[in-house]
Amino acid sequence: ATRIIKNLNPKILVIAQTAYAMTNDREKILKAGCDDYIPKPIRLSS
């Protein structure tokens, strides 16, 4: 979904939310076009 959205509008910011935030997952998230990510469970302060 992020890849398609970034093709439609490259300027839109996408922040991934994922319980799978290991090092290789972080790379995969950023490669997909996400600008950042928040690990789950989400902390309000984060």
All heavy atoms as atom14 arrays in JSON, in Angstrom:
{
  "sequence": "ATRIIKNLNPKILVIAQTAYAMTNDREKILKAGCDDYIPKPIRLSS",
  "atom14_mask": [
    [1, 1, 1, 1, 1, 0, 0, 0, 0, 0, 0, 0, 0, 0],
    [1, 1, 1, 1, 1, 1, 1, 0, 0, 0, 0, 0, 0, 0],
    [1, 1, 1, 1, 1, 1, 1, 1, 1, 1, 1, 0, 0, 0],
    [1, 1, 1, 1, 1, 1, 1, 1, 0, 0, 0, 0, 0, 0],
    [1, 1, 1, 1, 1, 1, 1, 1, 0, 0, 0, 0, 0, 0],
    [1, 1, 1, 1, 1, 1, 1, 1, 1, 0, 0, 0, 0, 0],
    [1, 1, 1, 1, 1, 1, 1, 1, 0, 0, 0, 0, 0, 0],
    [1, 1, 1, 1, 1, 1, 1, 1, 0, 0, 0, 0, 0, 0],
    [1, 1, 1, 1, 1, 1, 1, 1, 0, 0, 0, 0, 0, 0],
    [1, 1, 1, 1, 1, 1, 1, 0, 0, 0, 0, 0, 0, 0],
    [1, 1, 1, 1, 1, 1, 1, 1, 1, 0, 0, 0, 0, 0],
    [1, 1, 1, 1, 1, 1, 1, 1, 0, 0, 0, 0, 0, 0],
    [1, 1, 1, 1, 1, 1, 1, 1, 0, 0, 0, 0, 0, 0],
    [1, 1, 1, 1, 1, 1, 1, 0, 0, 0, 0, 0, 0, 0],
    [1, 1, 1, 1, 1, 1, 1, 1, 0, 0, 0, 0, 0, 0],
    [1, 1, 1, 1, 1, 0, 0, 0, 0, 0, 0, 0, 0, 0],
    [1, 1, 1, 1, 1, 1, 1, 1, 1, 0, 0, 0, 0, 0],
    [1, 1, 1, 1, 1, 1, 1, 0, 0, 0, 0, 0, 0, 0],
    [1, 1, 1, 1, 1, 0, 0, 0, 0, 0, 0, 0, 0, 0],
    [1, 1, 1, 1, 1, 1, 1, 1, 1, 1, 1, 1, 0, 0],
    [1, 1, 1, 1, 1, 0, 0, 0, 0, 0, 0, 0, 0, 0],
    [1, 1, 1, 1, 1, 1, 1, 1, 0, 0, 0, 0, 0, 0],
    [1, 1, 1, 1, 1, 1, 1, 0, 0, 0, 0, 0, 0, 0],
    [1, 1, 1, 1, 1, 1, 1, 1, 0, 0, 0, 0, 0, 0],
    [1, 1, 1, 1, 1, 1, 1, 1, 0, 0, 0, 0, 0, 0],
    [1, 1, 1, 1, 1, 1, 1, 1, 1, 1, 1, 0, 0, 0],
    [1, 1, 1, 1, 1, 1, 1, 1, 1, 0, 0, 0, 0, 0],
    [1, 1, 1, 1, 1, 1, 1, 1, 1, 0, 0, 0, 0, 0],
    [1, 1, 1, 1, 1, 1, 1, 1, 0, 0, 0, 0, 0, 0],
    [1, 1, 1, 1, 1, 1, 1, 1, 0, 0, 0, 0, 0, 0],
    [1, 1, 1, 1, 1, 1, 1, 1, 1, 0, 0, 0, 0, 0],
    [1, 1, 1, 1, 1, 0, 0, 0, 0, 0, 0, 0, 0, 0],
    [1, 1, 1, 1, 0, 0, 0, 0, 0, 0, 0, 0, 0, 0],
    [1, 1, 1, 1, 1, 1, 0, 0, 0, 0, 0, 0, 0, 0],
    [1, 1, 1, 1, 1, 1, 1, 1, 0, 0, 0, 0, 0, 0],
    [1, 1, 1, 1, 1, 1, 1, 1, 0, 0, 0, 0, 0, 0],
    [1, 1, 1, 1, 1, 1, 1, 1, 1, 1, 1, 1, 0, 0],
    [1, 1, 1, 1, 1, 1, 1, 1, 0, 0, 0, 0, 0, 0],
    [1, 1, 1, 1, 1, 1, 1, 0, 0, 0, 0, 0, 0, 0],
    [1, 1, 1, 1, 1, 1, 1, 1, 1, 0, 0, 0, 0, 0],
    [1, 1, 1, 1, 1, 1, 1, 0, 0, 0, 0, 0, 0, 0],
    [1, 1, 1, 1, 1, 1, 1, 1, 0, 0, 0, 0, 0, 0],
    [1, 1, 1, 1, 1, 1, 1, 1, 1, 1, 1, 0, 0, 0],
    [1, 1, 1, 1, 1, 1, 1, 1, 0, 0, 0, 0, 0, 0],
    [1, 1, 1, 1, 1, 1, 0, 0, 0, 0, 0, 0, 0, 0],
    [1, 1, 1, 1, 1, 1, 0, 0, 0, 0, 0, 0, 0, 0]
  ],
  "atom14_positions": [
    [[0.84, -1.2, 0.0], [0.0, 0.0, 0.0], [0.88, 1.26, 0.0], [0.6, 2.21, -0.73], [-0.93, -0.01, 1.2], [0.0, 0.0, 0.0], [0.0, 0.0, 0.0], [0.0, 0.0, 0.0], [0.0, 0.0, 0.0], [0.0, 0.0, 0.0], [0.0, 0.0, 0.0], [0.0, 0.0, 0.0], [0.0, 0.0, 0.0], [0.0, 0.0, 0.0]],
    [[1.95, 1.24, 0.79], [2.86, 2.4, 0.84], [3.51, 2.64, -0.51], [3.59, 3.79, -0.97], [3.93, 2.2, 1.93], [3.26, 2.13, 3.2], [4.93, 3.34, 1.95], [0.0, 0.0, 0.0], [0.0, 0.0, 0.0], [0.0, 0.0, 0.0], [0.0, 0.0, 0.0], [0.0, 0.0, 0.0], [0.0, 0.0, 0.0], [0.0, 0.0, 0.0]],
    [[3.98, 1.58, -1.16], [4.62, 1.74, -2.49], [3.65, 2.42, -3.47], [4.03, 3.33, -4.2], [5.04, 0.38, -3.05], [6.29, -0.16, -2.41], [6.79, -1.44, -3.11], [7.69, -2.14, -2.23], [7.36, -3.16, -1.44], [6.12, -3.64, -1.46], [8.24, -3.72, -0.66], [0.0, 0.0, 0.0], [0.0, 0.0, 0.0], [0.0, 0.0, 0.0]],
    [[2.41, 1.97, -3.48], [1.41, 2.53, -4.4], [1.12, 3.99, -4.03], [1.06, 4.86, -4.91], [0.13, 1.66, -4.4], [0.45, 0.29, -5.03], [-1.01, 2.36, -5.15], [-0.63, -0.76, -4.84], [0.0, 0.0, 0.0], [0.0, 0.0, 0.0], [0.0, 0.0, 0.0], [0.0, 0.0, 0.0], [0.0, 0.0, 0.0], [0.0, 0.0, 0.0]],
    [[0.94, 4.26, -2.75], [0.65, 5.63, -2.29], [1.81, 6.56, -2.64], [1.59, 7.68, -3.12], [0.35, 5.65, -0.77], [-1.03, 5.03, -0.54], [0.45, 7.07, -0.2], [-1.34, 4.69, 0.91], [0.0, 0.0, 0.0], [0.0, 0.0, 0.0], [0.0, 0.0, 0.0], [0.0, 0.0, 0.0], [0.0, 0.0, 0.0], [0.0, 0.0, 0.0]],
    [[3.04, 6.1, -2.45], [4.2, 6.94, -2.77], [4.31, 7.19, -4.27], [4.79, 8.24, -4.68], [5.49, 6.31, -2.22], [5.64, 6.46, -0.72], [5.88, 7.9, -0.33], [6.38, 8.01, 1.09], [6.84, 9.35, 1.43], [0.0, 0.0, 0.0], [0.0, 0.0, 0.0], [0.0, 0.0, 0.0], [0.0, 0.0, 0.0], [0.0, 0.0, 0.0]],
    [[3.85, 6.25, -5.09], [3.81, 6.48, -6.54], [2.75, 7.53, -6.89], [2.95, 8.32, -7.8], [3.53, 5.18, -7.3], [4.79, 4.33, -7.43], [5.89, 4.85, -7.46], [4.6, 3.02, -7.5], [0.0, 0.0, 0.0], [0.0, 0.0, 0.0], [0.0, 0.0, 0.0], [0.0, 0.0, 0.0], [0.0, 0.0, 0.0], [0.0, 0.0, 0.0]],
    [[1.63, 7.52, -6.17], [0.57, 8.5, -6.39], [0.99, 9.89, -5.91], [0.71, 10.89, -6.56], [-0.71, 8.1, -5.64], [-1.44, 6.87, -6.12], [-2.53, 6.47, -5.13], [-2.06, 7.14, -7.5], [0.0, 0.0, 0.0], [0.0, 0.0, 0.0], [0.0, 0.0, 0.0], [0.0, 0.0, 0.0], [0.0, 0.0, 0.0], [0.0, 0.0, 0.0]],
    [[1.64, 9.93, -4.74], [2.03, 11.2, -4.13], [3.31, 11.0, -3.32], [3.26, 10.66, -2.14], [0.91, 11.72, -3.23], [1.24, 13.06, -2.59], [2.36, 13.55, -2.66], [0.26, 13.64, -1.93], [0.0, 0.0, 0.0], [0.0, 0.0, 0.0], [0.0, 0.0, 0.0], [0.0, 0.0, 0.0], [0.0, 0.0, 0.0], [0.0, 0.0, 0.0]],
    [[4.49, 11.24, -3.94], [5.76, 11.0, -3.26], [5.98, 11.89, -2.02], [6.77, 11.54, -1.16], [6.81, 11.32, -4.32], [6.09, 11.43, -5.61], [4.65, 11.67, -5.31], [0.0, 0.0, 0.0], [0.0, 0.0, 0.0], [0.0, 0.0, 0.0], [0.0, 0.0, 0.0], [0.0, 0.0, 0.0], [0.0, 0.0, 0.0], [0.0, 0.0, 0.0]],
    [[5.24, 13.0, -1.92], [5.46, 13.93, -0.81], [4.7, 13.53, 0.46], [5.01, 14.03, 1.53], [5.03, 15.35, -1.22], [5.92, 15.94, -2.27], [5.47, 17.33, -2.65], [6.36, 17.87, -3.76], [5.84, 19.11, -4.31], [0.0, 0.0, 0.0], [0.0, 0.0, 0.0], [0.0, 0.0, 0.0], [0.0, 0.0, 0.0], [0.0, 0.0, 0.0]],
    [[3.72, 12.63, 0.33], [2.92, 12.25, 1.49], [3.81, 11.49, 2.48], [4.6, 10.64, 2.08], [1.68, 11.44, 1.06], [0.57, 11.56, 2.07], [2.0, 10.0, 0.79], [-0.79, 11.18, 1.49], [0.0, 0.0, 0.0], [0.0, 0.0, 0.0], [0.0, 0.0, 0.0], [0.0, 0.0, 0.0], [0.0, 0.0, 0.0], [0.0, 0.0, 0.0]],
    [[3.71, 11.83, 3.75], [4.51, 11.16, 4.78], [3.81, 9.9, 5.24], [2.62, 9.93, 5.56], [4.71, 12.09, 5.97], [5.59, 13.31, 5.72], [5.42, 14.32, 6.83], [7.04, 12.89, 5.58], [0.0, 0.0, 0.0], [0.0, 0.0, 0.0], [0.0, 0.0, 0.0], [0.0, 0.0, 0.0], [0.0, 0.0, 0.0], [0.0, 0.0, 0.0]],
    [[4.55, 8.8, 5.28], [3.99, 7.53, 5.75], [4.81, 7.04, 6.93], [6.02, 6.88, 6.83], [3.98, 6.45, 4.63], [3.4, 5.14, 5.16], [3.21, 6.94, 3.41], [0.0, 0.0, 0.0], [0.0, 0.0, 0.0], [0.0, 0.0, 0.0], [0.0, 0.0, 0.0], [0.0, 0.0, 0.0], [0.0, 0.0, 0.0], [0.0, 0.0, 0.0]],
    [[4.13, 6.86, 8.05], [4.76, 6.33, 9.25], [4.19, 4.94, 9.5], [2.99, 4.78, 9.72], [4.52, 7.24, 10.47], [5.09, 8.64, 10.19], [5.13, 6.63, 11.73], [4.7, 9.69, 11.21], [0.0, 0.0, 0.0], [0.0, 0.0, 0.0], [0.0, 0.0, 0.0], [0.0, 0.0, 0.0], [0.0, 0.0, 0.0], [0.0, 0.0, 0.0]],
    [[5.06, 3.94, 9.41], [4.63, 2.56, 9.62], [4.42, 2.32, 11.11], [5.12, 2.86, 11.95], [5.7, 1.6, 9.09], [0.0, 0.0, 0.0], [0.0, 0.0, 0.0], [0.0, 0.0, 0.0], [0.0, 0.0, 0.0], [0.0, 0.0, 0.0], [0.0, 0.0, 0.0], [0.0, 0.0, 0.0], [0.0, 0.0, 0.0], [0.0, 0.0, 0.0]],
    [[3.43, 1.48, 11.4], [3.25, 1.0, 12.77], [3.37, -0.51, 12.69], [2.64, -1.14, 11.94], [1.9, 1.35, 13.37], [1.09, 2.38, 12.69], [-0.36, 2.25, 13.09], [-0.7, 1.91, 14.2], [-1.24, 2.52, 12.16], [0.0, 0.0, 0.0], [0.0, 0.0, 0.0], [0.0, 0.0, 0.0], [0.0, 0.0, 0.0], [0.0, 0.0, 0.0]],
    [[4.32, -1.04, 13.44], [4.55, -2.48, 13.33], [5.09, -3.09, 14.61], [5.85, -2.45, 15.32], [5.5, -2.79, 12.16], [5.69, -4.2, 12.08], [6.86, -2.12, 12.33], [0.0, 0.0, 0.0], [0.0, 0.0, 0.0], [0.0, 0.0, 0.0], [0.0, 0.0, 0.0], [0.0, 0.0, 0.0], [0.0, 0.0, 0.0], [0.0, 0.0, 0.0]],
    [[4.66, -4.31, 14.85], [5.2, -5.08, 15.97], [6.51, -5.75, 15.55], [7.21, -6.31, 16.37], [4.19, -6.13, 16.41], [0.0, 0.0, 0.0], [0.0, 0.0, 0.0], [0.0, 0.0, 0.0], [0.0, 0.0, 0.0], [0.0, 0.0, 0.0], [0.0, 0.0, 0.0], [0.0, 0.0, 0.0], [0.0, 0.0, 0.0], [0.0, 0.0, 0.0]],
    [[6.84, -5.66, 14.27], [8.01, -6.34, 13.73], [9.09, -5.32, 13.4], [9.33, -5.02, 12.25], [7.63, -7.13, 12.48], [6.46, -8.02, 12.75], [5.18, -7.61, 12.42], [6.62, -9.23, 13.39], [4.09, -8.39, 12.7], [5.53, -10.02, 13.69], [4.27, -9.6, 13.34], [3.2, -10.38, 13.64], [0.0, 0.0, 0.0], [0.0, 0.0, 0.0]],
    [[9.72, -4.77, 14.43], [10.69, -3.7, 14.21], [12.13, -4.17, 14.47], [12.89, -3.49, 15.12], [10.33, -2.49, 15.05], [0.0, 0.0, 0.0], [0.0, 0.0, 0.0], [0.0, 0.0, 0.0], [0.0, 0.0, 0.0], [0.0, 0.0, 0.0], [0.0, 0.0, 0.0], [0.0, 0.0, 0.0], [0.0, 0.0, 0.0], [0.0, 0.0, 0.0]],
    [[12.49, -5.33, 13.95], [13.87, -5.78, 14.02], [14.67, -5.0, 12.97], [14.09, -4.33, 12.13], [13.96, -7.29, 13.73], [13.1, -8.13, 14.63], [13.39, -7.71, 16.36], [13.46, -9.29, 17.09], [0.0, 0.0, 0.0], [0.0, 0.0, 0.0], [0.0, 0.0, 0.0], [0.0, 0.0, 0.0], [0.0, 0.0, 0.0], [0.0, 0.0, 0.0]],
    [[15.97, -5.11, 12.99], [16.82, -4.33, 12.09], [16.44, -4.55, 10.62], [16.28, -3.59, 9.87], [18.31, -4.69, 12.3], [18.59, -4.5, 13.68], [19.2, -3.79, 11.49], [0.0, 0.0, 0.0], [0.0, 0.0, 0.0], [0.0, 0.0, 0.0], [0.0, 0.0, 0.0], [0.0, 0.0, 0.0], [0.0, 0.0, 0.0], [0.0, 0.0, 0.0]],
    [[16.28, -5.81, 10.19], [15.95, -6.06, 8.79], [14.54, -5.59, 8.45], [14.26, -5.19, 7.33], [16.16, -7.53, 8.41], [15.35, -8.47, 9.27], [14.93, -8.13, 10.36], [15.14, -9.68, 8.78], [0.0, 0.0, 0.0], [0.0, 0.0, 0.0], [0.0, 0.0, 0.0], [0.0, 0.0, 0.0], [0.0, 0.0, 0.0], [0.0, 0.0, 0.0]],
    [[13.62, -5.61, 9.43], [12.27, -5.09, 9.21], [12.32, -3.59, 9.01], [11.62, -3.04, 8.17], [11.35, -5.43, 10.38], [11.1, -6.92, 10.51], [10.88, -7.56, 9.47], [11.14, -7.43, 11.63], [0.0, 0.0, 0.0], [0.0, 0.0, 0.0], [0.0, 0.0, 0.0], [0.0, 0.0, 0.0], [0.0, 0.0, 0.0], [0.0, 0.0, 0.0]],
    [[13.16, -2.9, 9.8], [13.3, -1.45, 9.68], [13.76, -1.1, 8.26], [13.21, -0.2, 7.64], [14.3, -0.94, 10.72], [14.44, 0.55, 10.72], [15.42, 1.0, 11.81], [15.34, 2.44, 11.98], [15.93, 3.32, 11.18], [16.63, 2.92, 10.15], [15.81, 4.61, 11.41], [0.0, 0.0, 0.0], [0.0, 0.0, 0.0], [0.0, 0.0, 0.0]],
    [[14.73, -1.84, 7.75], [15.23, -1.61, 6.38], [14.11, -1.85, 5.37], [13.95, -1.07, 4.44], [16.41, -2.53, 6.08], [17.68, -2.13, 6.8], [18.79, -3.16, 6.64], [18.78, -3.92, 5.65], [19.66, -3.2, 7.52], [0.0, 0.0, 0.0], [0.0, 0.0, 0.0], [0.0, 0.0, 0.0], [0.0, 0.0, 0.0], [0.0, 0.0, 0.0]],
    [[13.35, -2.93, 5.56], [12.25, -3.25, 4.65], [11.18, -2.15, 4.67], [10.65, -1.77, 3.63], [11.64, -4.6, 5.05], [10.66, -5.17, 4.06], [10.21, -6.57, 4.47], [9.18, -7.11, 3.51], [8.67, -8.42, 3.92], [0.0, 0.0, 0.0], [0.0, 0.0, 0.0], [0.0, 0.0, 0.0], [0.0, 0.0, 0.0], [0.0, 0.0, 0.0]],
    [[10.88, -1.64, 5.87], [9.9, -0.56, 6.03], [10.36, 0.68, 5.27], [9.59, 1.29, 4.53], [9.69, -0.26, 7.54], [8.89, -1.39, 8.19], [9.01, 1.1, 7.75], [8.91, -1.38, 9.71], [0.0, 0.0, 0.0], [0.0, 0.0, 0.0], [0.0, 0.0, 0.0], [0.0, 0.0, 0.0], [0.0, 0.0, 0.0], [0.0, 0.0, 0.0]],
    [[11.61, 1.06, 5.44], [12.14, 2.25, 4.78], [12.26, 2.05, 3.27], [11.98, 2.96, 2.5], [13.47, 2.66, 5.41], [13.39, 3.05, 6.9], [14.77, 3.34, 7.47], [12.45, 4.22, 7.14], [0.0, 0.0, 0.0], [0.0, 0.0, 0.0], [0.0, 0.0, 0.0], [0.0, 0.0, 0.0], [0.0, 0.0, 0.0], [0.0, 0.0, 0.0]],
    [[12.64, 0.84, 2.85], [12.72, 0.53, 1.41], [11.35, 0.61, 0.73], [11.25, 0.96, -0.44], [13.29, -0.88, 1.2], [14.75, -0.9, 0.92], [15.21, -2.29, 0.49], [16.72, -2.33, 0.5], [17.24, -3.62, 0.88], [0.0, 0.0, 0.0], [0.0, 0.0, 0.0], [0.0, 0.0, 0.0], [0.0, 0.0, 0.0], [0.0, 0.0, 0.0]],
    [[10.3, 0.27, 1.47], [8.94, 0.33, 0.92], [8.49, 1.78, 0.7], [7.48, 2.02, 0.05], [7.97, -0.39, 1.84], [0.0, 0.0, 0.0], [0.0, 0.0, 0.0], [0.0, 0.0, 0.0], [0.0, 0.0, 0.0], [0.0, 0.0, 0.0], [0.0, 0.0, 0.0], [0.0, 0.0, 0.0], [0.0, 0.0, 0.0], [0.0, 0.0, 0.0]],
    [[9.23, 2.72, 1.27], [8.89, 4.12, 1.08], [8.39, 4.81, 2.33], [8.08, 6.0, 2.31], [0.0, 0.0, 0.0], [0.0, 0.0, 0.0], [0.0, 0.0, 0.0], [0.0, 0.0, 0.0], [0.0, 0.0, 0.0], [0.0, 0.0, 0.0], [0.0, 0.0, 0.0], [0.0, 0.0, 0.0], [0.0, 0.0, 0.0], [0.0, 0.0, 0.0]],
    [[8.3, 4.08, 3.44], [7.87, 4.71, 4.69], [8.94, 5.7, 5.14], [10.13, 5.47, 4.96], [7.65, 3.66, 5.78], [6.29, 2.53, 5.42], [0.0, 0.0, 0.0], [0.0, 0.0, 0.0], [0.0, 0.0, 0.0], [0.0, 0.0, 0.0], [0.0, 0.0, 0.0], [0.0, 0.0, 0.0], [0.0, 0.0, 0.0], [0.0, 0.0, 0.0]],
    [[8.49, 6.81, 5.71], [9.41, 7.85, 6.16], [9.93, 7.59, 7.56], [10.99, 8.09, 7.95], [8.71, 9.21, 6.1], [8.3, 9.54, 4.67], [9.18, 9.96, 3.91], [7.12, 9.34, 4.33], [0.0, 0.0, 0.0], [0.0, 0.0, 0.0], [0.0, 0.0, 0.0], [0.0, 0.0, 0.0], [0.0, 0.0, 0.0], [0.0, 0.0, 0.0]],
    [[9.18, 6.8, 8.33], [9.55, 6.51, 9.71], [8.69, 5.35, 10.17], [7.83, 4.88, 9.42], [9.29, 7.74, 10.59], [10.28, 7.87, 11.76], [10.76, 6.82, 12.25], [10.55, 9.01, 12.16], [0.0, 0.0, 0.0], [0.0, 0.0, 0.0], [0.0, 0.0, 0.0], [0.0, 0.0, 0.0], [0.0, 0.0, 0.0], [0.0, 0.0, 0.0]],
    [[8.91, 4.91, 11.4], [8.03, 3.87, 11.95], [7.93, 4.0, 13.46], [8.78, 4.59, 14.1], [8.5, 2.47, 11.55], [9.71, 1.99, 12.31], [9.57, 1.16, 13.42], [10.98, 2.36, 11.92], [10.67, 0.74, 14.13], [12.09, 1.93, 12.62], [11.93, 1.12, 13.73], [13.03, 0.71, 14.43], [0.0, 0.0, 0.0], [0.0, 0.0, 0.0]],
    [[6.85, 3.45, 13.97], [6.59, 3.41, 15.41], [6.38, 1.94, 15.76], [5.53, 1.28, 15.17], [5.3, 4.2, 15.76], [5.42, 5.66, 15.33], [5.03, 4.11, 17.26], [4.11, 6.43, 15.42], [0.0, 0.0, 0.0], [0.0, 0.0, 0.0], [0.0, 0.0, 0.0], [0.0, 0.0, 0.0], [0.0, 0.0, 0.0], [0.0, 0.0, 0.0]],
    [[7.16, 1.42, 16.71], [6.97, 0.02, 17.11], [5.68, -0.16, 17.91], [5.25, 0.72, 18.63], [8.2, -0.29, 17.96], [8.75, 1.02, 18.39], [8.27, 2.06, 17.42], [0.0, 0.0, 0.0], [0.0, 0.0, 0.0], [0.0, 0.0, 0.0], [0.0, 0.0, 0.0], [0.0, 0.0, 0.0], [0.0, 0.0, 0.0], [0.0, 0.0, 0.0]],
    [[5.06, -1.33, 17.72], [3.89, -1.72, 18.52], [4.36, -2.65, 19.62], [5.28, -3.43, 19.39], [2.87, -2.46, 17.63], [2.07, -1.55, 16.74], [1.06, -2.4, 15.98], [0.15, -1.53, 15.14], [-0.81, -2.33, 14.41], [0.0, 0.0, 0.0], [0.0, 0.0, 0.0], [0.0, 0.0, 0.0], [0.0, 0.0, 0.0], [0.0, 0.0, 0.0]],
    [[3.75, -2.64, 20.79], [2.64, -1.76, 21.16], [3.1, -0.3, 21.17], [4.2, 0.01, 21.62], [2.22, -2.25, 22.53], [3.4, -2.96, 23.08], [4.16, -3.49, 21.91], [0.0, 0.0, 0.0], [0.0, 0.0, 0.0], [0.0, 0.0, 0.0], [0.0, 0.0, 0.0], [0.0, 0.0, 0.0], [0.0, 0.0, 0.0], [0.0, 0.0, 0.0]],
    [[2.23, 0.57, 20.68], [2.57, 1.98, 20.54], [2.52, 2.66, 21.9], [1.55, 2.53, 22.63], [1.6, 2.69, 19.57], [1.76, 2.11, 18.17], [1.83, 4.2, 19.56], [0.73, 2.6, 17.17], [0.0, 0.0, 0.0], [0.0, 0.0, 0.0], [0.0, 0.0, 0.0], [0.0, 0.0, 0.0], [0.0, 0.0, 0.0], [0.0, 0.0, 0.0]],
    [[3.62, 3.36, 22.22], [3.65, 4.19, 23.42], [3.17, 5.59, 23.01], [3.61, 6.11, 21.99], [5.06, 4.26, 23.99], [5.48, 2.96, 24.66], [6.84, 2.99, 25.35], [7.35, 4.3, 25.7], [8.43, 4.86, 25.13], [9.11, 4.23, 24.19], [8.86, 6.05, 25.52], [0.0, 0.0, 0.0], [0.0, 0.0, 0.0], [0.0, 0.0, 0.0]],
    [[2.29, 6.16, 23.81], [1.72, 7.47, 23.5], [2.82, 8.51, 23.28], [2.77, 9.28, 22.31], [0.77, 7.91, 24.62], [0.0, 9.19, 24.38], [-0.82, 9.12, 23.1], [-0.9, 9.49, 25.57], [0.0, 0.0, 0.0], [0.0, 0.0, 0.0], [0.0, 0.0, 0.0], [0.0, 0.0, 0.0], [0.0, 0.0, 0.0], [0.0, 0.0, 0.0]],
    [[3.83, 8.52, 24.12], [4.91, 9.51, 23.99], [5.66, 9.33, 22.66], [5.97, 10.32, 22.0], [5.88, 9.42, 25.17], [6.43, 8.12, 25.26], [0.0, 0.0, 0.0], [0.0, 0.0, 0.0], [0.0, 0.0, 0.0], [0.0, 0.0, 0.0], [0.0, 0.0, 0.0], [0.0, 0.0, 0.0], [0.0, 0.0, 0.0], [0.0, 0.0, 0.0]],
    [[5.89, 8.09, 22.25], [6.58, 7.84, 20.97], [5.74, 8.33, 19.8], [6.24, 8.96, 18.88], [6.85, 6.34, 20.78], [7.67, 5.86, 21.81], [0.0, 0.0, 0.0], [0.0, 0.0, 0.0], [0.0, 0.0, 0.0], [0.0, 0.0, 0.0], [0.0, 0.0, 0.0], [0.0, 0.0, 0.0], [0.0, 0.0, 0.0], [0.0, 0.0, 0.0]]
  ]
}
